[in-house]
Amino acid sequence: MDDDRSTHLVRTRLSFGQRIATWWAVSTEIHELTRDREREERVRAEAAVRLAPGPWAIADLFRRRR
C-alpha cells in the first residue's frame, strides 16, 4: 500500500476580510467565556422589575436561572 499523502502544511495568507472575521469570532468567544454571569443576572432582574414586559419578554421572566 503506497501512501503518498503530504505531511507538510501549506500556509496560505488570509485576506483582510478573513482576518477581520477571525478576529471577530475570537473576540466574541473570549467575551462569551469571560463575561460576568452574576452581573447579567442582576441586570435581568432589574429589567424584569423596572420594565413592563411585552410579549417578547414574557419567556425571559420564566427562564431557568443557572
Protein backbone atom coordinates (compact mmCIF):
# COMPACT_ATOMS: atom_id res chain seq x y z
CA MET A 1 0.00 0.00 0.00
CA ASP A 2 1.57 3.24 -1.14
CA ASP A 3 0.63 6.31 0.90
CA ASP A 4 1.63 9.46 -0.93
CA ARG A 5 -0.22 11.98 1.23
CA SER A 6 1.87 15.01 2.05
CA THR A 7 2.63 15.62 5.70
CA HIS A 8 3.69 19.25 5.45
CA LEU A 9 1.21 22.07 5.87
CA VAL A 10 0.87 24.76 3.28
CA ARG A 11 0.26 28.14 4.89
CA THR A 12 -1.92 30.44 2.91
CA ARG A 13 -2.08 34.12 3.65
CA LEU A 14 -5.51 35.19 4.84
CA SER A 15 -7.21 38.12 3.19
CA PHE A 16 -8.04 41.23 5.17
CA GLY A 17 -11.70 40.21 5.37
CA GLN A 18 -10.80 36.74 6.61
CA ARG A 19 -8.51 38.22 9.27
CA ILE A 20 -11.29 40.55 10.44
CA ALA A 21 -13.76 37.64 10.53
CA THR A 22 -11.30 35.53 12.54
CA TRP A 23 -10.62 38.40 14.94
CA TRP A 24 -14.37 38.96 15.43
CA ALA A 25 -15.03 35.26 16.09
CA VAL A 26 -12.17 35.02 18.60
CA SER A 27 -13.16 38.24 20.38
CA THR A 28 -16.76 37.08 20.66
CA GLU A 29 -15.73 33.69 22.01
CA ILE A 30 -13.43 35.28 24.61
CA HIS A 31 -16.23 37.63 25.65
CA GLU A 32 -18.63 34.69 26.00
CA LEU A 33 -16.14 32.74 28.10
CA THR A 34 -15.24 35.61 30.42
CA ARG A 35 -18.45 37.52 30.90
CA ASP A 36 -19.79 38.14 34.39
CA ARG A 37 -22.81 35.89 34.87
CA GLU A 38 -23.78 37.41 38.24
CA ARG A 39 -23.90 40.87 36.69
CA GLU A 40 -26.02 39.52 33.85
CA GLU A 41 -28.49 38.06 36.38
CA ARG A 42 -28.66 41.37 38.28
CA VAL A 43 -29.32 43.30 35.07
CA ARG A 44 -32.06 40.85 34.02
CA ALA A 45 -33.69 41.01 37.47
CA GLU A 46 -33.58 44.82 37.42
CA ALA A 47 -35.09 44.88 33.93
CA ALA A 48 -37.86 42.50 34.99
CA VAL A 49 -38.76 44.81 37.89
CA ARG A 50 -38.47 48.16 36.10
CA LEU A 51 -39.74 47.35 32.62
CA ALA A 52 -43.23 46.33 31.68
CA PRO A 53 -42.61 43.10 29.78
CA GLY A 54 -44.03 42.79 26.32
CA PRO A 55 -44.99 39.52 24.68
CA TRP A 56 -41.38 39.06 23.53
CA ALA A 57 -40.07 39.33 27.13
CA ILE A 58 -42.54 37.03 28.92
CA ALA A 59 -40.40 33.95 28.26
CA ASP A 60 -37.39 35.69 29.81
CA LEU A 61 -39.26 36.11 33.09
CA PHE A 62 -39.73 32.34 33.31
CA ARG A 63 -36.26 31.44 32.07
CA ARG A 64 -34.41 28.94 34.24
CA ARG A 65 -31.59 30.61 36.14
CA ARG A 66 -28.16 28.99 36.30
